[in-house]
Structure formats: structure tokens, C-alpha cells
C-alpha atoms as a PDB file:
ATOM      1  CA  MET A   1     -16.670  31.632 -82.492  1.00  0.00           C
ATOM      2  CA  LYS A   2     -15.898  32.297 -86.129  1.00  0.00           C
ATOM      3  CA  GLN A   3     -19.392  33.747 -86.509  1.00  0.00           C
ATOM      4  CA  LEU A   4     -18.741  36.063 -83.584  1.00  0.00           C
ATOM      5  CA  LEU A   5     -15.662  37.395 -85.361  1.00  0.00           C
ATOM      6  CA  HIS A   6     -17.812  38.177 -88.367  1.00  0.00           C
ATOM      7  CA  LEU A   7     -20.415  39.840 -86.181  1.00  0.00           C
ATOM      8  CA  ALA A   8     -17.717  41.912 -84.515  1.00  0.00           C
ATOM      9  CA  ALA A   9     -16.704  43.174 -87.940  1.00  0.00           C
ATOM     10  CA  ALA A  10     -20.295  44.062 -88.697  1.00  0.00           C
ATOM     11  CA  LEU A  11     -20.482  46.145 -85.566  1.00  0.00           C
ATOM     12  CA  LEU A  12     -17.196  47.822 -86.420  1.00  0.00           C
ATOM     13  CA  LEU A  13     -18.649  48.666 -89.812  1.00  0.00           C
ATOM     14  CA  ALA A  14     -21.439  50.563 -88.158  1.00  0.00           C
ATOM     15  CA  ALA A  15     -19.120  52.093 -85.580  1.00  0.00           C
ATOM     16  CA  GLY A  16     -16.995  53.459 -88.396  1.00  0.00           C
ATOM     17  CA  THR A  17     -20.051  55.084 -89.930  1.00  0.00           C
ATOM     18  CA  THR A  18     -20.851  56.706 -86.617  1.00  0.00           C
ATOM     19  CA  LEU A  19     -17.316  57.912 -85.962  1.00  0.00           C
ATOM     20  CA  ALA A  20     -16.948  59.337 -89.444  1.00  0.00           C
ATOM     21  CA  HIS A  21     -19.539  61.891 -88.393  1.00  0.00           C
ATOM     22  CA  ALA A  22     -18.591  62.063 -84.727  1.00  0.00           C
ATOM     23  CA  VAL A  23     -15.052  63.302 -85.336  1.00  0.00           C
ATOM     24  CA  ASP A  24     -16.497  66.469 -86.885  1.00  0.00           C
ATOM     25  CA  THR A  25     -18.614  67.300 -83.849  1.00  0.00           C
ATOM     26  CA  ASP A  26     -17.641  69.136 -80.683  1.00  0.00           C
ATOM     27  CA  PRO A  27     -17.285  67.301 -78.417  1.00  0.00           C
ATOM     28  CA  PRO A  28     -16.798  63.870 -80.034  1.00  0.00           C
ATOM     29  CA  GLU A  29     -19.209  61.175 -78.972  1.00  0.00           C
ATOM     30  CA  GLY A  30     -18.118  58.833 -76.205  1.00  0.00           C
ATOM     31  CA  PRO A  31     -17.220  55.188 -76.802  1.00  0.00           C
ATOM     32  CA  HIS A  32     -20.469  53.815 -75.368  1.00  0.00           C
ATOM     33  CA  GLU A  33     -22.593  56.058 -77.575  1.00  0.00           C
ATOM     34  CA  VAL A  34     -20.512  55.153 -80.619  1.00  0.00           C
ATOM     35  CA  VAL A  35     -21.037  51.435 -80.038  1.00  0.00           C
ATOM     36  CA  ARG A  36     -24.710  51.889 -79.155  1.00  0.00           C
ATOM     37  CA  GLN A  37     -25.351  53.735 -82.399  1.00  0.00           C
ATOM     38  CA  ALA A  38     -23.334  51.081 -84.230  1.00  0.00           C
ATOM     39  CA  THR A  39     -25.791  48.388 -83.183  1.00  0.00           C
ATOM     40  CA  GLU A  40     -28.616  50.411 -84.703  1.00  0.00           C
ATOM     41  CA  ALA A  41     -26.779  51.315 -87.904  1.00  0.00           C
ATOM     42  CA  VAL A  42     -25.463  47.868 -88.790  1.00  0.00           C
ATOM     43  CA  MET A  43     -28.793  46.493 -90.004  1.00  0.00           C
ATOM     44  CA  SER A  44     -29.230  49.235 -92.591  1.00  0.00           C
ATOM     45  CA  ALA A  45     -25.625  48.711 -93.778  1.00  0.00           C
ATOM     46  CA  VAL A  46     -26.225  44.985 -94.227  1.00  0.00           C
ATOM     47  CA  ASP A  47     -29.539  45.583 -95.972  1.00  0.00           C
ATOM     48  CA  GLU A  48     -27.870  47.928 -98.459  1.00  0.00           C
ATOM     49  CA  ALA A  49     -25.091  45.442 -99.251  1.00  0.00           C
ATOM     50  CA  GLN A  50     -27.527  42.633-100.004  1.00  0.00           C
ATOM     51  CA  ALA A  51     -28.709  44.494-103.089  1.00  0.00           C
ATOM     52  CA  TYR A  52     -25.303  44.437-104.806  1.00  0.00           C
ATOM     53  CA  VAL A  53     -22.750  42.228-103.053  1.00  0.00           C
ATOM     54  CA  ASP A  54     -23.200  39.139-105.246  1.00  0.00           C
ATOM     55  CA  ALA A  55     -22.454  41.107-108.397  1.00  0.00           C
ATOM     56  CA  GLU A  56     -19.961  43.584-106.885  1.00  0.00           C
ATOM     57  CA  PRO A  57     -18.139  42.019-103.923  1.00  0.00           C
ATOM     58  CA  ASP A  58     -15.176  44.386-104.264  1.00  0.00           C
ATOM     59  CA  ARG A  59     -17.526  47.320-103.813  1.00  0.00           C
ATOM     60  CA  PHE A  60     -18.548  45.815-100.504  1.00  0.00           C
ATOM     61  CA  TYR A  61     -14.958  45.268 -99.328  1.00  0.00           C
ATOM     62  CA  ASP A  62     -13.958  48.765-100.437  1.00  0.00           C
ATOM     63  CA  GLN A  63     -16.853  50.203 -98.451  1.00  0.00           C
ATOM     64  CA  LEU A  64     -15.791  48.248 -95.387  1.00  0.00           C
ATOM     65  CA  GLN A  65     -12.183  49.327 -95.795  1.00  0.00           C
ATOM     66  CA  GLU A  66     -13.067  52.986 -96.070  1.00  0.00           C
ATOM     67  CA  ILE A  67     -15.283  52.838 -92.996  1.00  0.00           C
ATOM     68  CA  LEU A  68     -12.967  50.762 -90.830  1.00  0.00           C
ATOM     69  CA  ASP A  69     -10.028  53.060 -91.553  1.00  0.00           C
ATOM     70  CA  SER A  70     -11.855  55.755 -89.583  1.00  0.00           C
ATOM     71  CA  VAL A  71     -12.313  53.673 -86.441  1.00  0.00           C
ATOM     72  CA  VAL A  72      -9.611  50.988 -86.192  1.00  0.00           C
ATOM     73  CA  ASP A  73      -6.025  51.785 -85.250  1.00  0.00           C
ATOM     74  CA  PHE A  74      -4.618  49.243 -87.693  1.00  0.00           C
ATOM     75  CA  ARG A  75      -1.024  50.406 -87.206  1.00  0.00           C
ATOM     76  CA  GLY A  76      -1.240  50.183 -83.426  1.00  0.00           C
ATOM     77  CA  PHE A  77      -2.922  46.799 -83.680  1.00  0.00           C
ATOM     78  CA  ALA A  78      -0.245  45.521 -86.076  1.00  0.00           C
ATOM     79  CA  ARG A  79       2.544  46.776 -83.829  1.00  0.00           C
ATOM     80  CA  GLY A  80       0.939  45.016 -80.866  1.00  0.00           C
ATOM     81  CA  VAL A  81       0.763  41.775 -82.850  1.00  0.00           C
ATOM     82  CA  MET A  82       4.460  42.080 -83.748  1.00  0.00           C
ATOM     83  CA  GLY A  83       5.148  42.352 -80.011  1.00  0.00           C
ATOM     84  CA  PRO A  84       8.851  42.475 -79.081  1.00  0.00           C
ATOM     85  CA  TYR A  85       9.827  42.495 -82.750  1.00  0.00           C
ATOM     86  CA  ALA A  86       8.427  46.040 -83.055  1.00  0.00           C
ATOM     87  CA  SER A  87       8.988  47.293 -79.515  1.00  0.00           C
ATOM     88  CA  SER A  88      10.533  50.665 -78.675  1.00  0.00           C
ATOM     89  CA  GLU A  89      13.432  48.838 -77.029  1.00  0.00           C
ATOM     90  CA  ARG A  90      14.230  46.880 -80.173  1.00  0.00           C
ATOM     91  CA  TYR A  91      13.877  49.974 -82.347  1.00  0.00           C
ATOM     92  CA  ARG A  92      16.368  51.898 -80.173  1.00  0.00           C
ATOM     93  CA  SER A  93      18.830  49.004 -80.314  1.00  0.00           C
ATOM     94  CA  LEU A  94      19.045  49.137 -84.114  1.00  0.00           C
ATOM     95  CA  ASP A  95      21.291  51.267 -86.283  1.00  0.00           C
ATOM     96  CA  ALA A  96      19.828  53.736 -88.794  1.00  0.00           C
ATOM     97  CA  GLY A  97      19.456  51.096 -91.491  1.00  0.00           C
ATOM     98  CA  GLY A  98      17.803  48.645 -89.135  1.00  0.00           C
ATOM     99  CA  ARG A  99      15.364  51.281 -87.928  1.00  0.00           C
ATOM    100  CA  GLU A 100      14.377  52.135 -91.473  1.00  0.00           C
ATOM    101  CA  GLN A 101      13.875  48.450 -92.240  1.00  0.00           C
ATOM    102  CA  LEU A 102      11.698  47.975 -89.148  1.00  0.00           C
ATOM    103  CA  ARG A 103       9.555  50.993 -90.028  1.00  0.00           C
ATOM    104  CA  GLU A 104       9.036  49.601 -93.514  1.00  0.00           C
ATOM    105  CA  GLN A 105       8.182  46.153 -92.137  1.00  0.00           C
ATOM    106  CA  LEU A 106       5.649  47.637 -89.732  1.00  0.00           C
ATOM    107  CA  GLU A 107       3.982  49.612 -92.509  1.00  0.00           C
ATOM    108  CA  ARG A 108       3.885  46.536 -94.734  1.00  0.00           C
ATOM    109  CA  PHE A 109       2.471  44.341 -92.002  1.00  0.00           C
ATOM    110  CA  THR A 110      -0.114  46.985 -91.153  1.00  0.00           C
ATOM    111  CA  GLU A 111      -1.367  46.891 -94.735  1.00  0.00           C
ATOM    112  CA  VAL A 112      -1.380  43.074 -94.799  1.00  0.00           C
ATOM    113  CA  MET A 113      -3.494  42.965 -91.640  1.00  0.00           C
ATOM    114  CA  ARG A 114      -5.706  45.835 -92.766  1.00  0.00           C
ATOM    115  CA  VAL A 115      -6.697  44.156 -96.012  1.00  0.00           C
ATOM    116  CA  GLY A 116      -6.778  40.624 -94.624  1.00  0.00           C
ATOM    117  CA  LEU A 117      -9.001  41.397 -91.658  1.00  0.00           C
ATOM    118  CA  VAL A 118     -11.546  43.256 -93.751  1.00  0.00           C
ATOM    119  CA  ARG A 119     -11.661  40.507 -96.369  1.00  0.00           C
ATOM    120  CA  THR A 120     -11.932  37.726 -93.789  1.00  0.00           C
ATOM    121  CA  TYR A 121     -14.562  39.320 -91.605  1.00  0.00           C
ATOM    122  CA  GLY A 122     -16.465  40.978 -94.407  1.00  0.00           C
ATOM    123  CA  LYS A 123     -17.432  37.581 -95.788  1.00  0.00           C
ATOM    124  CA  GLY A 124     -19.606  36.908 -92.781  1.00  0.00           C
ATOM    125  CA  LEU A 125     -21.400  40.228 -92.465  1.00  0.00           C
ATOM    126  CA  LEU A 126     -24.502  39.313 -94.431  1.00  0.00           C
ATOM    127  CA  ALA A 127     -25.158  36.232 -92.303  1.00  0.00           C
ATOM    128  CA  PHE A 128     -26.168  38.286 -89.279  1.00  0.00           C
ATOM    129  CA  GLY A 129     -29.695  39.602 -89.269  1.00  0.00           C
ATOM    130  CA  GLY A 130     -32.211  39.614 -86.481  1.00  0.00           C
ATOM    131  CA  SER A 131     -29.769  39.273 -83.602  1.00  0.00           C
ATOM    132  CA  ARG A 132     -30.623  41.339 -80.534  1.00  0.00           C
ATOM    133  CA  ILE A 133     -27.634  43.300 -79.283  1.00  0.00           C
ATOM    134  CA  GLU A 134     -27.388  45.277 -76.055  1.00  0.00           C
ATOM    135  CA  VAL A 135     -24.632  47.655 -74.937  1.00  0.00           C
ATOM    136  CA  PRO A 136     -24.565  48.067 -71.135  1.00  0.00           C
ATOM    137  CA  ALA A 137     -23.881  51.611 -69.994  1.00  0.00           C
ATOM    138  CA  LEU A 138     -20.451  52.545 -68.651  1.00  0.00           C
ATOM    139  CA  SER A 139     -20.006  53.879 -65.147  1.00  0.00           C
ATOM    140  CA  GLU A 140     -18.818  57.473 -64.793  1.00  0.00           C
ATOM    141  CA  GLU A 141     -15.415  56.204 -63.720  1.00  0.00           C
ATOM    142  CA  GLU A 142     -15.127  53.892 -66.743  1.00  0.00           C
ATOM    143  CA  ALA A 143     -16.246  56.580 -69.192  1.00  0.00           C
ATOM    144  CA  ALA A 144     -13.684  59.077 -67.861  1.00  0.00           C
ATOM    145  CA  GLY A 145     -10.665  57.040 -68.889  1.00  0.00           C
ATOM    146  CA  SER A 146      -8.579  57.389 -72.036  1.00  0.00           C
ATOM    147  CA  ARG A 147      -8.919  53.627 -72.610  1.00  0.00           C
ATOM    148  CA  VAL A 148     -12.356  52.089 -72.303  1.00  0.00           C
ATOM    149  CA  ALA A 149     -13.704  48.542 -72.531  1.00  0.00           C
ATOM    150  CA  VAL A 150     -17.192  48.584 -74.074  1.00  0.00           C
ATOM    151  CA  ARG A 151     -19.181  45.366 -73.668  1.00  0.00           C
ATOM    152  CA  GLN A 152     -21.738  44.040 -76.139  1.00  0.00           C
ATOM    153  CA  LEU A 153     -24.232  41.319 -75.335  1.00  0.00           C
ATOM    154  CA  ILE A 154     -25.344  39.381 -78.403  1.00  0.00           C
ATOM    155  CA  PHE A 155     -28.520  37.347 -78.079  1.00  0.00           C
ATOM    156  CA  ASN A 156     -28.869  34.686 -80.733  1.00  0.00           C
ATOM    157  CA  ASP A 157     -30.156  31.118 -80.287  1.00  0.00           C
ATOM    158  CA  GLY A 158     -28.818  30.390 -76.817  1.00  0.00           C
ATOM    159  CA  ALA A 159     -30.272  31.377 -73.479  1.00  0.00           C
ATOM    160  CA  GLU A 160     -27.108  33.230 -72.495  1.00  0.00           C
ATOM    161  CA  PRO A 161     -25.754  36.052 -74.637  1.00  0.00           C
ATOM    162  CA  TYR A 162     -22.348  36.043 -76.265  1.00  0.00           C
ATOM    163  CA  VAL A 163     -20.071  38.711 -74.818  1.00  0.00           C
ATOM    164  CA  LEU A 164     -17.791  40.873 -76.935  1.00  0.00           C
ATOM    165  CA  VAL A 165     -15.520  43.516 -75.425  1.00  0.00           C
ATOM    166  CA  TYR A 166     -14.154  46.341 -77.538  1.00  0.00           C
ATOM    167  CA  HIS A 167     -11.003  47.950 -76.136  1.00  0.00           C
ATOM    168  CA  MET A 168     -11.029  51.507 -77.392  1.00  0.00           C
ATOM    169  CA  GLY A 169      -8.533  54.319 -76.924  1.00  0.00           C
ATOM    170  CA  ARG A 170      -9.012  58.057 -77.186  1.00  0.00           C
ATOM    171  CA  GLU A 171      -6.813  60.002 -79.584  1.00  0.00           C
ATOM    172  CA  LYS A 172      -5.523  63.511 -78.862  1.00  0.00           C
ATOM    173  CA  SER A 173      -8.277  64.783 -81.158  1.00  0.00           C
ATOM    174  CA  GLY A 174     -10.848  63.160 -78.896  1.00  0.00           C
ATOM    175  CA  ALA A 175     -11.828  60.516 -81.459  1.00  0.00           C
ATOM    176  CA  TRP A 176     -12.129  56.932 -80.228  1.00  0.00           C
ATOM    177  CA  LYS A 177     -10.391  54.087 -82.070  1.00  0.00           C
ATOM    178  CA  LEU A 178     -10.471  50.354 -81.628  1.00  0.00           C
ATOM    179  CA  ARG A 179      -7.263  48.885 -80.169  1.00  0.00           C
ATOM    180  CA  ASN A 180      -8.259  45.267 -79.545  1.00  0.00           C
ATOM    181  CA  MET A 181     -11.190  42.865 -79.161  1.00  0.00           C
ATOM    182  CA  VAL A 182     -11.971  40.127 -76.662  1.00  0.00           C
ATOM    183  CA  ILE A 183     -14.549  37.625 -77.889  1.00  0.00           C
ATOM    184  CA  GLU A 184     -15.991  35.245 -75.300  1.00  0.00           C
ATOM    185  CA  ASN A 185     -12.826  35.699 -73.180  1.00  0.00           C
ATOM    186  CA  VAL A 186     -10.562  35.092 -76.193  1.00  0.00           C
ATOM    187  CA  ASN A 187      -8.169  38.014 -76.644  1.00  0.00           C
ATOM    188  CA  LEU A 188      -7.819  38.501 -80.396  1.00  0.00           C
ATOM    189  CA  GLY A 189      -4.635  40.569 -80.147  1.00  0.00           C
ATOM    190  CA  GLU A 190      -2.938  37.956 -77.975  1.00  0.00           C
ATOM    191  CA  ILE A 191      -3.925  35.140 -80.342  1.00  0.00           C
ATOM    192  CA  TYR A 192      -2.433  37.001 -83.308  1.00  0.00           C
ATOM    193  CA  ARG A 193       0.708  37.942 -81.342  1.00  0.00           C
ATOM    194  CA  SER A 194       1.292  34.308 -80.422  1.00  0.00           C
ATOM    195  CA  GLN A 195       0.924  33.336 -84.081  1.00  0.00           C
ATOM    196  CA  PHE A 196       3.369  36.052 -85.163  1.00  0.00           C
ATOM    197  CA  GLU A 197       5.995  35.098 -82.585  1.00  0.00           C
ATOM    198  CA  SER A 198       5.695  31.412 -83.481  1.00  0.00           C
ATOM    199  CA  SER A 199       6.227  32.190 -87.160  1.00  0.00           C
ATOM    200  CA  ALA A 200       9.158  34.495 -86.349  1.00  0.00           C
ATOM    201  CA  ARG A 201      10.867  31.697 -84.403  1.00  0.00           C
ATOM    202  CA  LYS A 202      10.223  29.284 -87.264  1.00  0.00           C
ATOM    203  CA  HIS A 203      11.882  31.671 -89.725  1.00  0.00           C
ATOM    204  CA  GLY A 204      14.785  32.585 -87.466  1.00  0.00           C
ATOM    205  CA  GLY A 205      13.565  36.111 -86.853  1.00  0.00           C
ATOM    206  CA  ASP A 206      13.208  36.952 -90.554  1.00  0.00           C
ATOM    207  CA  LEU A 207      10.228  39.308 -90.395  1.00  0.00           C
ATOM    208  CA  ASP A 208      10.043  39.633 -94.159  1.00  0.00           C
ATOM    209  CA  GLN A 209       9.212  35.925 -94.395  1.00  0.00           C
ATOM    210  CA  VAL A 210       6.713  36.173 -91.540  1.00  0.00           C
ATOM    211  CA  ILE A 211       4.885  39.048 -93.210  1.00  0.00           C
ATOM    212  CA  ALA A 212       4.961  37.421 -96.636  1.00  0.00           C
ATOM    213  CA  GLY A 213       3.362  34.255 -95.254  1.00  0.00           C
ATOM    214  CA  TRP A 214       0.966  35.857 -92.793  1.00  0.00           C
ATOM    215  CA  THR A 215      -2.509  34.387 -92.554  1.00  0.00           C
ATOM    216  CA  ALA A 216      -4.729  35.563 -89.704  1.00  0.00           C
ATOM    217  CA  VAL A 217      -5.742  32.674 -87.471  1.00  0.00           C
ATOM    218  CA  GLU A 218      -9.379  31.608 -87.406  1.00  0.00           C
ATOM    219  CA  ILE A 219     -10.773  31.062 -83.909  1.00  0.00           C
ATOM    220  CA  GLU A 220     -12.924  27.960 -83.689  1.00  0.00           C
ATOM    221  CA  THR A 221     -15.272  26.861 -80.925  1.00  0.00           C
END
């Protein structure tokens, strides 16, 4: 499962490359086409990194960060992980000082997750070469929505493929951004949210302590 998380990051790397160009076109490419092109682009991205990553790992992480920023809604993902602690209802219940504090905490947690996810997943990118990946087409009804689940079938050593589902949302600009991932029926956002809420209870609701001690959970098989 941990390897699948790394592979998911690799595909996001390529998807970011695709979307960086797609957002300048009219109309923007659909989510299925973005992911399909990602599966083709990822191998060249990995090949390029192999020439320098041992000597310049930070260059690799910086490249990932720049690309992922164009495709992942890190702030929305972070807010979802914070769950009720960053809900609209809680925000409205706070006074002006509390609202300012919550906004600052959300921004800080967004950055913690942004850097941590890229560093964690980036470490596994170079391990994936030669895997066959298919992206089944969406139905017309599925493609017409503002939120789309794009499936990827990853054929490795086993007879049955691994299944990854990318939950993507369409921005007002028409660009598609990743909101969440489900890996072999494991909802990544829900796993992180459970971890956040558990830590918040442990620290008596002190979000500053939760954020300071945050470590993204590793999913094991």
C-alpha cells in the first residue's frame, strides 16, 4: 500500500505537468484526459530525475512542489483533514480574534501538509518503472459533473490490477484540481482526518500542538 501512495504521487507529478499547460488552453482539458496524459508523461519525468536526484535531492522535491501546486488543492485538502475544527459552523461561532487564529492555523497546516506530502511521496517516485497503467474512460454523465472520480488500474506483479481513484473538482476557471484519493478502497482524506481528530482530542483541542506535531500516517498492507 505504501508503494501505491508513492505511485499516486508519481501520477500527480505528471498530471501537474499536463495541467500547467491545460489551464492556458480554451477549453481546459477534462479530468480523464489529464490523467490519461499523466500516465504517459510520468515515465519521462522519472527518467529525467534519475540523472540528478542522488546529488541534488532538493532539486527533485522543488520540482515536485512546483508541479503539484498547479494540480492539488492543498488548502481544501487540509481543511477537509481538519474536519469540524475548520468547519464553516465553527468559524462562524468564533469572535474576530478566534477567526483570525483559525485562518492562520489553516494556512500553517496547509503548508505543513503541502511540504510533508511531497517529501514523503517523492521518495518513492523513482521506484516505479515499467508498470502498465490504464485509465478507463468516463461516461458522458460522469464527465459532465463538477466533481469527477477518475479511476486508474495499475498492473504490476499480480494478476489483478491495483485500483486508484482520484477525486477531482472543477474550479470556476475550468481547471481541474485533486481533492482526495482512494487507494484500494482506502480513503486517504478520511485516514488523515481521523488522525487529526485523534491528536486534537489528545491535546484538548489545542490545534497549535496538533499542527506542530503532525506526521502524515503511512498506510500499510
